[in-house]
Amino acid sequence: MPRTQKYVVDLSADERAELEAMLSAGMYKTRVLTRVRCLLHTDDGLTDEQVGQAVGCHPGTVGRIRKRYAEDGLAAINRREADRVYERKLDGRAEAHLIALACSEPPEGHSRWSLHLLADQLVALNEIDVESISHETVRQVLKKHGCTLTDQKRG
């Protein structure tokens, strides 16, 4: 027994005409056109599984598109997922410490610095208030400042 859907797509005649015009225009991204097709098929009364097979996407995707349409209307077809907002782990002072560390001699038993080794050493510093830092953050900071770990002259 199919359960009733929480988010119902009920397109008006104007909305349907706008979506069909988008399909025939041929100037939209495939992702947007997939959303348009999902809305049109859902409005025709198909289930998420049937729409997914007809359009070529997962039924969960169809459900998310229905939910976005119910919340935002047609603006949902052009909307991307909210971009994550990242807080900077290192301020300018911490970046300067990282650069200085990368330019210094590597610890005993190592011929040169690695990204993982720099990240571990930076966390161990008492002057920097960082609980953890990834090697990718270290890589991005070094790249931003033009530092390489392979160039012996530039550090």
C-alpha atoms as a PDB file:
ATOM      1  CA  MET A   1       0.000   0.000   0.000  1.00  0.00           C
ATOM      2  CA  PRO A   2       1.707   3.231  -1.097  1.00  0.00           C
ATOM      3  CA  ARG A   3       2.014   5.889   1.520  1.00  0.00           C
ATOM      4  CA  THR A   4       0.709   9.376   0.875  1.00  0.00           C
ATOM      5  CA  GLN A   5       3.323  11.875  -0.122  1.00  0.00           C
ATOM      6  CA  LYS A   6       4.017  14.737   2.220  1.00  0.00           C
ATOM      7  CA  TYR A   7       5.084  17.119  -0.536  1.00  0.00           C
ATOM      8  CA  VAL A   8       2.592  17.262  -3.392  1.00  0.00           C
ATOM      9  CA  VAL A   9       3.418  18.801  -6.753  1.00  0.00           C
ATOM     10  CA  ASP A  10       0.394  20.590  -8.208  1.00  0.00           C
ATOM     11  CA  LEU A  11       1.548  22.761 -11.101  1.00  0.00           C
ATOM     12  CA  SER A  12      -0.621  25.600 -12.332  1.00  0.00           C
ATOM     13  CA  ALA A  13      -1.179  26.000 -16.076  1.00  0.00           C
ATOM     14  CA  ASP A  14       1.317  28.883 -16.173  1.00  0.00           C
ATOM     15  CA  GLU A  15       3.963  26.912 -14.290  1.00  0.00           C
ATOM     16  CA  ARG A  16       3.492  23.902 -16.545  1.00  0.00           C
ATOM     17  CA  ALA A  17       3.803  26.094 -19.652  1.00  0.00           C
ATOM     18  CA  GLU A  18       6.974  27.685 -18.262  1.00  0.00           C
ATOM     19  CA  LEU A  19       8.529  24.280 -17.546  1.00  0.00           C
ATOM     20  CA  GLU A  20       7.645  22.922 -20.977  1.00  0.00           C
ATOM     21  CA  ALA A  21       9.118  26.049 -22.565  1.00  0.00           C
ATOM     22  CA  MET A  22      12.333  25.415 -20.635  1.00  0.00           C
ATOM     23  CA  LEU A  23      12.491  21.881 -22.024  1.00  0.00           C
ATOM     24  CA  SER A  24      12.074  23.032 -25.611  1.00  0.00           C
ATOM     25  CA  ALA A  25      14.442  26.011 -25.315  1.00  0.00           C
ATOM     26  CA  GLY A  26      17.577  23.854 -25.253  1.00  0.00           C
ATOM     27  CA  MET A  27      19.642  26.362 -23.291  1.00  0.00           C
ATOM     28  CA  TYR A  28      19.556  25.013 -19.753  1.00  0.00           C
ATOM     29  CA  LYS A  29      21.917  22.714 -17.934  1.00  0.00           C
ATOM     30  CA  THR A  30      21.062  19.034 -17.877  1.00  0.00           C
ATOM     31  CA  ARG A  31      20.693  19.118 -14.121  1.00  0.00           C
ATOM     32  CA  VAL A  32      18.015  21.811 -14.374  1.00  0.00           C
ATOM     33  CA  LEU A  33      16.201  19.977 -17.157  1.00  0.00           C
ATOM     34  CA  THR A  34      16.177  16.798 -15.065  1.00  0.00           C
ATOM     35  CA  ARG A  35      14.469  18.722 -12.273  1.00  0.00           C
ATOM     36  CA  VAL A  36      11.952  20.117 -14.762  1.00  0.00           C
ATOM     37  CA  ARG A  37      11.151  16.630 -16.072  1.00  0.00           C
ATOM     38  CA  CYS A  38      10.770  15.319 -12.531  1.00  0.00           C
ATOM     39  CA  LEU A  39       8.267  18.041 -11.678  1.00  0.00           C
ATOM     40  CA  LEU A  40       6.271  17.493 -14.871  1.00  0.00           C
ATOM     41  CA  HIS A  41       6.095  13.704 -14.399  1.00  0.00           C
ATOM     42  CA  THR A  42       5.257  14.062 -10.706  1.00  0.00           C
ATOM     43  CA  ASP A  43       2.456  16.470 -11.578  1.00  0.00           C
ATOM     44  CA  ASP A  44       1.112  13.809 -13.966  1.00  0.00           C
ATOM     45  CA  GLY A  45       0.622  11.527 -10.943  1.00  0.00           C
ATOM     46  CA  LEU A  46       3.600   9.180 -11.272  1.00  0.00           C
ATOM     47  CA  THR A  47       5.303   7.799  -8.183  1.00  0.00           C
ATOM     48  CA  ASP A  48       8.894   8.674  -7.303  1.00  0.00           C
ATOM     49  CA  GLU A  49      10.073   5.282  -8.574  1.00  0.00           C
ATOM     50  CA  GLN A  50       8.252   5.693 -11.894  1.00  0.00           C
ATOM     51  CA  VAL A  51       9.559   9.240 -12.330  1.00  0.00           C
ATOM     52  CA  GLY A  52      13.076   8.084 -11.475  1.00  0.00           C
ATOM     53  CA  GLN A  53      12.926   5.401 -14.158  1.00  0.00           C
ATOM     54  CA  ALA A  54      11.448   7.764 -16.743  1.00  0.00           C
ATOM     55  CA  VAL A  55      13.944  10.550 -16.100  1.00  0.00           C
ATOM     56  CA  GLY A  56      16.957   8.433 -15.222  1.00  0.00           C
ATOM     57  CA  CYS A  57      17.589   9.466 -11.631  1.00  0.00           C
ATOM     58  CA  HIS A  58      17.182   7.989  -8.180  1.00  0.00           C
ATOM     59  CA  PRO A  59      13.740   8.092  -6.526  1.00  0.00           C
ATOM     60  CA  GLY A  60      15.294   9.920  -3.571  1.00  0.00           C
ATOM     61  CA  THR A  61      16.306  12.699  -5.937  1.00  0.00           C
ATOM     62  CA  VAL A  62      12.702  12.965  -7.115  1.00  0.00           C
ATOM     63  CA  GLY A  63      11.544  13.253  -3.509  1.00  0.00           C
ATOM     64  CA  ARG A  64      14.042  16.034  -2.792  1.00  0.00           C
ATOM     65  CA  ILE A  65      12.917  17.930  -5.898  1.00  0.00           C
ATOM     66  CA  ARG A  66       9.274  17.594  -4.795  1.00  0.00           C
ATOM     67  CA  LYS A  67      10.187  18.892  -1.340  1.00  0.00           C
ATOM     68  CA  ARG A  68      12.088  21.873  -2.759  1.00  0.00           C
ATOM     69  CA  TYR A  69       9.195  22.707  -5.079  1.00  0.00           C
ATOM     70  CA  ALA A  70       6.733  22.571  -2.179  1.00  0.00           C
ATOM     71  CA  GLU A  71       8.945  24.913  -0.142  1.00  0.00           C
ATOM     72  CA  ASP A  72      10.235  27.339  -2.806  1.00  0.00           C
ATOM     73  CA  GLY A  73       8.051  26.965  -5.899  1.00  0.00           C
ATOM     74  CA  LEU A  74       9.679  27.049  -9.325  1.00  0.00           C
ATOM     75  CA  ALA A  75      12.739  28.810  -7.916  1.00  0.00           C
ATOM     76  CA  ALA A  76      13.743  25.381  -6.605  1.00  0.00           C
ATOM     77  CA  ILE A  77      14.726  24.092 -10.045  1.00  0.00           C
ATOM     78  CA  ASN A  78      17.540  26.610 -10.408  1.00  0.00           C
ATOM     79  CA  ARG A  79      18.667  26.517  -6.800  1.00  0.00           C
ATOM     80  CA  ARG A  80      21.776  24.657  -5.855  1.00  0.00           C
ATOM     81  CA  GLU A  81      22.205  23.029  -2.509  1.00  0.00           C
ATOM     82  CA  ALA A  82      23.348  25.517   0.082  1.00  0.00           C
ATOM     83  CA  ASP A  83      27.104  25.806  -0.080  1.00  0.00           C
ATOM     84  CA  ARG A  84      28.818  24.904   3.127  1.00  0.00           C
ATOM     85  CA  VAL A  85      30.372  27.756   5.022  1.00  0.00           C
ATOM     86  CA  TYR A  86      33.783  26.950   6.360  1.00  0.00           C
ATOM     87  CA  GLU A  87      35.451  28.751   9.222  1.00  0.00           C
ATOM     88  CA  ARG A  88      39.121  29.395   8.753  1.00  0.00           C
ATOM     89  CA  LYS A  89      41.183  27.191  11.000  1.00  0.00           C
ATOM     90  CA  LEU A  90      44.298  29.327  10.662  1.00  0.00           C
ATOM     91  CA  ASP A  91      44.497  33.076  10.982  1.00  0.00           C
ATOM     92  CA  GLY A  92      47.379  35.125   9.571  1.00  0.00           C
ATOM     93  CA  ARG A  93      49.547  34.572  12.640  1.00  0.00           C
ATOM     94  CA  ALA A  94      49.104  30.808  12.492  1.00  0.00           C
ATOM     95  CA  GLU A  95      49.806  30.817   8.755  1.00  0.00           C
ATOM     96  CA  ALA A  96      53.032  32.708   9.410  1.00  0.00           C
ATOM     97  CA  HIS A  97      54.034  30.048  11.954  1.00  0.00           C
ATOM     98  CA  LEU A  98      53.274  27.352   9.400  1.00  0.00           C
ATOM     99  CA  ILE A  99      55.413  29.057   6.739  1.00  0.00           C
ATOM    100  CA  ALA A 100      58.270  29.486   9.214  1.00  0.00           C
ATOM    101  CA  LEU A 101      57.967  25.860  10.227  1.00  0.00           C
ATOM    102  CA  ALA A 102      58.027  24.725   6.595  1.00  0.00           C
ATOM    103  CA  CYS A 103      61.181  26.791   5.980  1.00  0.00           C
ATOM    104  CA  SER A 104      62.950  25.378   9.021  1.00  0.00           C
ATOM    105  CA  GLU A 105      64.930  22.160   9.224  1.00  0.00           C
ATOM    106  CA  PRO A 106      62.805  19.011   9.415  1.00  0.00           C
ATOM    107  CA  PRO A 107      62.821  17.055  12.674  1.00  0.00           C
ATOM    108  CA  GLU A 108      65.437  14.442  13.457  1.00  0.00           C
ATOM    109  CA  GLY A 109      65.013  11.316  11.355  1.00  0.00           C
ATOM    110  CA  HIS A 110      63.288  13.077   8.444  1.00  0.00           C
ATOM    111  CA  SER A 111      65.010  14.304   5.314  1.00  0.00           C
ATOM    112  CA  ARG A 112      62.286  16.876   4.554  1.00  0.00           C
ATOM    113  CA  TRP A 113      58.882  18.083   5.712  1.00  0.00           C
ATOM    114  CA  SER A 114      55.714  16.338   4.624  1.00  0.00           C
ATOM    115  CA  LEU A 115      52.220  17.824   4.784  1.00  0.00           C
ATOM    116  CA  HIS A 116      51.204  15.382   7.512  1.00  0.00           C
ATOM    117  CA  LEU A 117      54.349  16.092   9.511  1.00  0.00           C
ATOM    118  CA  LEU A 118      53.784  19.856   9.266  1.00  0.00           C
ATOM    119  CA  ALA A 119      50.169  19.461  10.382  1.00  0.00           C
ATOM    120  CA  ASP A 120      51.220  17.388  13.396  1.00  0.00           C
ATOM    121  CA  GLN A 121      53.970  19.825  14.368  1.00  0.00           C
ATOM    122  CA  LEU A 122      51.674  22.843  14.016  1.00  0.00           C
ATOM    123  CA  VAL A 123      49.129  21.285  16.372  1.00  0.00           C
ATOM    124  CA  ALA A 124      51.905  20.524  18.854  1.00  0.00           C
ATOM    125  CA  LEU A 125      53.024  24.175  18.973  1.00  0.00           C
ATOM    126  CA  ASN A 126      51.970  25.944  22.144  1.00  0.00           C
ATOM    127  CA  GLU A 127      51.735  29.355  20.438  1.00  0.00           C
ATOM    128  CA  ILE A 128      48.960  28.208  18.101  1.00  0.00           C
ATOM    129  CA  ASP A 129      45.490  27.435  19.460  1.00  0.00           C
ATOM    130  CA  VAL A 130      44.560  24.657  17.024  1.00  0.00           C
ATOM    131  CA  GLU A 131      43.227  21.307  18.196  1.00  0.00           C
ATOM    132  CA  SER A 132      43.572  19.620  14.829  1.00  0.00           C
ATOM    133  CA  ILE A 133      44.390  20.527  11.271  1.00  0.00           C
ATOM    134  CA  SER A 134      44.358  18.488   8.107  1.00  0.00           C
ATOM    135  CA  HIS A 135      47.228  18.071   5.719  1.00  0.00           C
ATOM    136  CA  GLU A 136      44.956  19.557   3.025  1.00  0.00           C
ATOM    137  CA  THR A 137      44.705  22.826   4.956  1.00  0.00           C
ATOM    138  CA  VAL A 138      48.496  22.855   5.223  1.00  0.00           C
ATOM    139  CA  ARG A 139      48.752  22.259   1.466  1.00  0.00           C
ATOM    140  CA  GLN A 140      46.349  25.095   0.670  1.00  0.00           C
ATOM    141  CA  VAL A 141      48.171  27.573   2.923  1.00  0.00           C
ATOM    142  CA  LEU A 142      51.545  26.675   1.440  1.00  0.00           C
ATOM    143  CA  LYS A 143      50.180  26.960  -2.085  1.00  0.00           C
ATOM    144  CA  LYS A 144      48.590  30.330  -1.328  1.00  0.00           C
ATOM    145  CA  HIS A 145      51.956  31.690  -0.225  1.00  0.00           C
ATOM    146  CA  GLY A 146      53.949  30.061  -3.021  1.00  0.00           C
ATOM    147  CA  CYS A 147      55.849  27.664  -0.759  1.00  0.00           C
ATOM    148  CA  THR A 148      56.814  24.176  -1.838  1.00  0.00           C
ATOM    149  CA  LEU A 149      58.230  21.375   0.221  1.00  0.00           C
ATOM    150  CA  THR A 150      60.476  20.161  -2.583  1.00  0.00           C
ATOM    151  CA  ASP A 151      62.387  23.379  -3.291  1.00  0.00           C
ATOM    152  CA  GLN A 152      65.328  23.535  -0.892  1.00  0.00           C
ATOM    153  CA  LYS A 153      65.884  27.270  -1.501  1.00  0.00           C
ATOM    154  CA  ARG A 154      62.325  28.511  -0.912  1.00  0.00           C
ATOM    155  CA  GLY A 155      61.073  26.119   1.795  1.00  0.00           C
END
